[in-house]
Amino acid sequence: MEENEDIQCMFRRFQTILNELRSLGRTYDNYDHMDKVLRGLSRKWRLQVTVLIAVKNLESMSLEELVGTLKVHEHKLQQDGGLRREKSLALSSQKNKKES
């Protein structure tokens, strides 16, 4: 998954692939689906994936529940990214004022 690709888009593509595999007679269990989704995430998701594996019982979790959890985390990552940019701009402007 690319860095700028969102979870919803990735899930839609994954569902399309699963539907095509079903039409060819290939089926996989829910755990295999979630394993594929989690392994397909980029490095910035590693901590969240580790927590999910450690805390949740992935065998009883639905794929939709997993995607919902990942969406919440994605939203938090986006908020944190905005906060970091604002802080860095504020710090640089304060630094420039002190130098003057």
N, C-alpha and C. Protein backbone atom coordinates (compact mmCIF):
# COMPACT_ATOMS: atom_id res chain seq x y z
N MET A 1 0.84 -1.18 0.00
CA MET A 1 0.00 0.00 0.00
C MET A 1 0.88 1.24 0.00
N GLU A 2 0.60 2.19 -0.87
CA GLU A 2 1.37 3.42 -0.92
C GLU A 2 1.06 4.28 0.28
N GLU A 3 2.02 5.17 0.62
CA GLU A 3 1.88 6.03 1.80
C GLU A 3 0.62 6.89 1.74
N ASN A 4 0.28 7.42 0.57
CA ASN A 4 -0.84 8.36 0.49
C ASN A 4 -2.17 7.69 0.17
N GLU A 5 -2.18 6.38 0.12
CA GLU A 5 -3.42 5.65 -0.17
C GLU A 5 -4.19 5.41 1.11
N ASP A 6 -5.48 5.68 1.10
CA ASP A 6 -6.25 5.51 2.32
C ASP A 6 -6.78 4.09 2.47
N ILE A 7 -7.17 3.77 3.69
CA ILE A 7 -7.64 2.43 4.03
C ILE A 7 -8.89 2.06 3.24
N GLN A 8 -9.81 2.99 3.07
CA GLN A 8 -11.06 2.71 2.36
C GLN A 8 -10.77 2.28 0.92
N CYS A 9 -9.88 2.97 0.26
CA CYS A 9 -9.52 2.64 -1.12
C CYS A 9 -8.87 1.26 -1.19
N MET A 10 -7.97 0.98 -0.25
CA MET A 10 -7.30 -0.30 -0.21
C MET A 10 -8.32 -1.42 0.03
N PHE A 11 -9.29 -1.18 0.92
CA PHE A 11 -10.30 -2.19 1.22
C PHE A 11 -11.17 -2.47 -0.01
N ARG A 12 -11.54 -1.42 -0.75
CA ARG A 12 -12.35 -1.62 -1.97
C ARG A 12 -11.59 -2.47 -2.99
N ARG A 13 -10.30 -2.19 -3.18
CA ARG A 13 -9.50 -2.98 -4.11
C ARG A 13 -9.39 -4.43 -3.64
N PHE A 14 -9.20 -4.60 -2.34
CA PHE A 14 -9.09 -5.94 -1.76
C PHE A 14 -10.39 -6.72 -1.97
N GLN A 15 -11.54 -6.07 -1.74
CA GLN A 15 -12.84 -6.72 -1.94
C GLN A 15 -13.02 -7.13 -3.41
N THR A 16 -12.59 -6.29 -4.31
CA THR A 16 -12.68 -6.61 -5.75
C THR A 16 -11.88 -7.86 -6.06
N ILE A 17 -10.67 -7.94 -5.53
CA ILE A 17 -9.82 -9.12 -5.76
C ILE A 17 -10.48 -10.36 -5.16
N LEU A 18 -11.01 -10.24 -3.94
CA LEU A 18 -11.68 -11.38 -3.31
C LEU A 18 -12.86 -11.87 -4.13
N ASN A 19 -13.65 -10.93 -4.65
CA ASN A 19 -14.81 -11.30 -5.47
C ASN A 19 -14.37 -12.02 -6.74
N GLU A 20 -13.30 -11.56 -7.35
CA GLU A 20 -12.80 -12.23 -8.56
C GLU A 20 -12.30 -13.63 -8.24
N LEU A 21 -11.60 -13.78 -7.10
CA LEU A 21 -11.13 -15.10 -6.69
C LEU A 21 -12.30 -16.04 -6.41
N ARG A 22 -13.36 -15.52 -5.77
CA ARG A 22 -14.56 -16.35 -5.51
C ARG A 22 -15.18 -16.83 -6.81
N SER A 23 -15.21 -15.94 -7.81
CA SER A 23 -15.80 -16.34 -9.09
C SER A 23 -14.98 -17.44 -9.77
N LEU A 24 -13.71 -17.54 -9.41
CA LEU A 24 -12.85 -18.60 -9.94
C LEU A 24 -12.85 -19.85 -9.05
N GLY A 25 -13.66 -19.80 -7.98
CA GLY A 25 -13.77 -20.95 -7.10
C GLY A 25 -12.73 -20.98 -5.99
N ARG A 26 -11.96 -19.91 -5.82
CA ARG A 26 -10.95 -19.84 -4.76
C ARG A 26 -11.51 -19.09 -3.57
N THR A 27 -11.52 -19.71 -2.42
CA THR A 27 -11.99 -19.04 -1.21
C THR A 27 -10.93 -19.17 -0.12
N TYR A 28 -10.93 -18.19 0.76
CA TYR A 28 -10.01 -18.16 1.89
C TYR A 28 -10.81 -17.83 3.13
N ASP A 29 -10.28 -18.22 4.29
CA ASP A 29 -11.02 -17.91 5.52
C ASP A 29 -10.75 -16.47 5.94
N ASN A 30 -11.54 -16.00 6.88
CA ASN A 30 -11.49 -14.62 7.36
C ASN A 30 -10.10 -14.25 7.88
N TYR A 31 -9.45 -15.17 8.60
CA TYR A 31 -8.12 -14.90 9.15
C TYR A 31 -7.12 -14.63 8.03
N ASP A 32 -7.20 -15.41 6.95
CA ASP A 32 -6.30 -15.19 5.81
C ASP A 32 -6.51 -13.81 5.20
N HIS A 33 -7.78 -13.38 5.11
CA HIS A 33 -8.08 -12.05 4.57
C HIS A 33 -7.42 -10.97 5.43
N MET A 34 -7.60 -11.07 6.72
CA MET A 34 -7.05 -10.04 7.62
C MET A 34 -5.53 -10.08 7.62
N ASP A 35 -4.96 -11.25 7.54
CA ASP A 35 -3.51 -11.37 7.48
C ASP A 35 -2.97 -10.66 6.24
N LYS A 36 -3.63 -10.84 5.11
CA LYS A 36 -3.22 -10.17 3.86
C LYS A 36 -3.32 -8.65 4.00
N VAL A 37 -4.41 -8.17 4.58
CA VAL A 37 -4.59 -6.72 4.75
C VAL A 37 -3.48 -6.17 5.63
N LEU A 38 -3.23 -6.81 6.76
CA LEU A 38 -2.23 -6.31 7.70
C LEU A 38 -0.82 -6.35 7.12
N ARG A 39 -0.50 -7.40 6.38
CA ARG A 39 0.82 -7.49 5.77
C ARG A 39 1.00 -6.49 4.63
N GLY A 40 -0.10 -6.02 4.06
CA GLY A 40 -0.02 -5.07 2.95
C GLY A 40 0.14 -3.62 3.39
N LEU A 41 0.07 -3.36 4.68
CA LEU A 41 0.19 -1.98 5.17
C LEU A 41 1.65 -1.54 5.20
N SER A 42 1.85 -0.24 5.05
CA SER A 42 3.21 0.30 5.04
C SER A 42 3.81 0.31 6.44
N ARG A 43 5.08 0.69 6.52
CA ARG A 43 5.82 0.68 7.79
C ARG A 43 5.21 1.58 8.85
N LYS A 44 4.60 2.69 8.43
CA LYS A 44 4.04 3.61 9.43
C LYS A 44 2.90 2.96 10.21
N TRP A 45 2.38 1.85 9.73
CA TRP A 45 1.30 1.12 10.39
C TRP A 45 1.81 0.02 11.30
N ARG A 46 3.11 -0.21 11.34
CA ARG A 46 3.67 -1.36 12.06
C ARG A 46 3.23 -1.42 13.52
N LEU A 47 3.26 -0.30 14.22
CA LEU A 47 2.87 -0.28 15.63
C LEU A 47 1.40 -0.69 15.78
N GLN A 48 0.53 -0.14 14.95
CA GLN A 48 -0.89 -0.47 15.02
C GLN A 48 -1.12 -1.95 14.72
N VAL A 49 -0.42 -2.49 13.74
CA VAL A 49 -0.56 -3.91 13.40
C VAL A 49 -0.13 -4.77 14.57
N THR A 50 0.99 -4.42 15.20
CA THR A 50 1.49 -5.18 16.35
C THR A 50 0.48 -5.16 17.48
N VAL A 51 -0.10 -4.00 17.75
CA VAL A 51 -1.10 -3.88 18.82
C VAL A 51 -2.34 -4.73 18.48
N LEU A 52 -2.80 -4.65 17.25
CA LEU A 52 -3.97 -5.43 16.86
C LEU A 52 -3.74 -6.93 17.04
N ILE A 53 -2.58 -7.39 16.63
CA ILE A 53 -2.27 -8.81 16.74
C ILE A 53 -2.17 -9.23 18.21
N ALA A 54 -1.59 -8.36 19.04
CA ALA A 54 -1.39 -8.69 20.45
C ALA A 54 -2.69 -8.61 21.25
N VAL A 55 -3.53 -7.63 20.96
CA VAL A 55 -4.70 -7.36 21.80
C VAL A 55 -5.97 -8.04 21.29
N LYS A 56 -6.16 -8.05 20.00
CA LYS A 56 -7.41 -8.58 19.43
C LYS A 56 -7.26 -10.05 19.06
N ASN A 57 -8.36 -10.75 19.09
CA ASN A 57 -8.40 -12.11 18.59
C ASN A 57 -8.81 -12.01 17.12
N LEU A 58 -7.83 -12.02 16.24
CA LEU A 58 -8.11 -11.81 14.81
C LEU A 58 -8.97 -12.93 14.22
N GLU A 59 -8.95 -14.09 14.83
CA GLU A 59 -9.76 -15.19 14.29
C GLU A 59 -11.26 -14.96 14.49
N SER A 60 -11.62 -14.15 15.51
CA SER A 60 -13.04 -13.89 15.74
C SER A 60 -13.46 -12.51 15.25
N MET A 61 -12.53 -11.70 14.82
CA MET A 61 -12.82 -10.34 14.34
C MET A 61 -13.25 -10.40 12.88
N SER A 62 -14.21 -9.57 12.51
CA SER A 62 -14.62 -9.52 11.11
C SER A 62 -13.69 -8.59 10.33
N LEU A 63 -13.64 -8.79 9.03
CA LEU A 63 -12.82 -7.94 8.17
C LEU A 63 -13.29 -6.49 8.24
N GLU A 64 -14.61 -6.28 8.32
CA GLU A 64 -15.16 -4.94 8.41
C GLU A 64 -14.75 -4.25 9.71
N GLU A 65 -14.72 -5.01 10.81
CA GLU A 65 -14.29 -4.46 12.09
C GLU A 65 -12.81 -4.06 12.03
N LEU A 66 -11.99 -4.89 11.39
CA LEU A 66 -10.57 -4.58 11.23
C LEU A 66 -10.40 -3.29 10.44
N VAL A 67 -11.11 -3.17 9.33
CA VAL A 67 -11.01 -1.97 8.50
C VAL A 67 -11.48 -0.74 9.27
N GLY A 68 -12.54 -0.88 10.05
CA GLY A 68 -13.01 0.24 10.88
C GLY A 68 -11.95 0.69 11.87
N THR A 69 -11.30 -0.26 12.51
CA THR A 69 -10.22 0.06 13.45
C THR A 69 -9.08 0.77 12.73
N LEU A 70 -8.74 0.29 11.55
CA LEU A 70 -7.66 0.93 10.79
C LEU A 70 -8.03 2.33 10.32
N LYS A 71 -9.31 2.55 10.00
CA LYS A 71 -9.77 3.89 9.61
C LYS A 71 -9.62 4.88 10.75
N VAL A 72 -9.96 4.44 11.96
CA VAL A 72 -9.81 5.31 13.13
C VAL A 72 -8.34 5.69 13.31
N HIS A 73 -7.48 4.69 13.19
CA HIS A 73 -6.04 4.96 13.34
C HIS A 73 -5.53 5.88 12.22
N GLU A 74 -6.02 5.66 11.01
CA GLU A 74 -5.63 6.51 9.88
C GLU A 74 -6.02 7.96 10.13
N HIS A 75 -7.21 8.17 10.67
CA HIS A 75 -7.68 9.51 10.98
C HIS A 75 -6.77 10.17 12.02
N LYS A 76 -6.37 9.41 13.02
CA LYS A 76 -5.47 9.94 14.04
C LYS A 76 -4.10 10.27 13.45
N LEU A 77 -3.61 9.43 12.54
CA LEU A 77 -2.34 9.72 11.88
C LEU A 77 -2.41 11.01 11.08
N GLN A 78 -3.53 11.22 10.39
CA GLN A 78 -3.70 12.44 9.61
C GLN A 78 -3.76 13.66 10.52
N GLN A 79 -4.44 13.56 11.65
CA GLN A 79 -4.50 14.67 12.60
C GLN A 79 -3.11 14.96 13.17
N ASP A 80 -2.38 13.93 13.52
CA ASP A 80 -1.03 14.11 14.05
C ASP A 80 -0.11 14.76 13.02
N GLY A 81 -0.27 14.39 11.77
CA GLY A 81 0.54 14.99 10.70
C GLY A 81 0.29 16.48 10.60
N GLY A 82 -0.95 16.91 10.73
CA GLY A 82 -1.30 18.32 10.68
C GLY A 82 -0.75 19.07 11.88
N LEU A 83 -0.79 18.44 13.05
CA LEU A 83 -0.27 19.07 14.26
C LEU A 83 1.24 19.26 14.17
N ARG A 84 1.94 18.27 13.64
CA ARG A 84 3.39 18.38 13.53
C ARG A 84 3.77 19.55 12.62
N ARG A 85 3.06 19.69 11.51
CA ARG A 85 3.37 20.80 10.58
C ARG A 85 3.12 22.14 11.25
N GLU A 86 2.03 22.27 11.98
CA GLU A 86 1.72 23.53 12.66
C GLU A 86 2.78 23.84 13.71
N LYS A 87 3.18 22.85 14.48
CA LYS A 87 4.19 23.07 15.51
C LYS A 87 5.51 23.48 14.89
N SER A 88 5.91 22.83 13.82
CA SER A 88 7.20 23.16 13.23
C SER A 88 7.20 24.58 12.68
N LEU A 89 6.08 25.03 12.11
CA LEU A 89 6.00 26.40 11.62
C LEU A 89 6.05 27.39 12.77
N ALA A 90 5.39 27.08 13.86
CA ALA A 90 5.38 27.97 15.02
C ALA A 90 6.78 28.06 15.62
N LEU A 91 7.46 26.95 15.71
CA LEU A 91 8.80 26.96 16.28
C LEU A 91 9.77 27.73 15.40
N SER A 92 9.65 27.56 14.09
CA SER A 92 10.58 28.27 13.21
C SER A 92 10.32 29.78 13.25
N SER A 93 9.06 30.21 13.37
CA SER A 93 8.79 31.64 13.42
C SER A 93 9.27 32.23 14.74
N GLN A 94 9.16 31.48 15.83
CA GLN A 94 9.66 31.95 17.11
C GLN A 94 11.18 32.06 17.07
N LYS A 95 11.82 31.12 16.44
CA LYS A 95 13.28 31.12 16.32
C LYS A 95 13.73 32.34 15.53
N ASN A 96 13.02 32.65 14.44
CA ASN A 96 13.37 33.81 13.61
C ASN A 96 13.20 35.12 14.39
N LYS A 97 12.19 35.20 15.25
CA LYS A 97 11.97 36.41 16.06
C LYS A 97 13.12 36.62 17.03
N LYS A 98 13.61 35.55 17.63
CA LYS A 98 14.72 35.65 18.58
C LYS A 98 16.01 36.09 17.89
N GLU A 99 16.22 35.64 16.64
CA GLU A 99 17.43 36.01 15.92
C GLU A 99 17.44 37.47 15.52
N SER A 100 16.27 38.10 15.38
CA SER A 100 16.18 39.49 14.92
C SER A 100 16.60 40.48 15.97
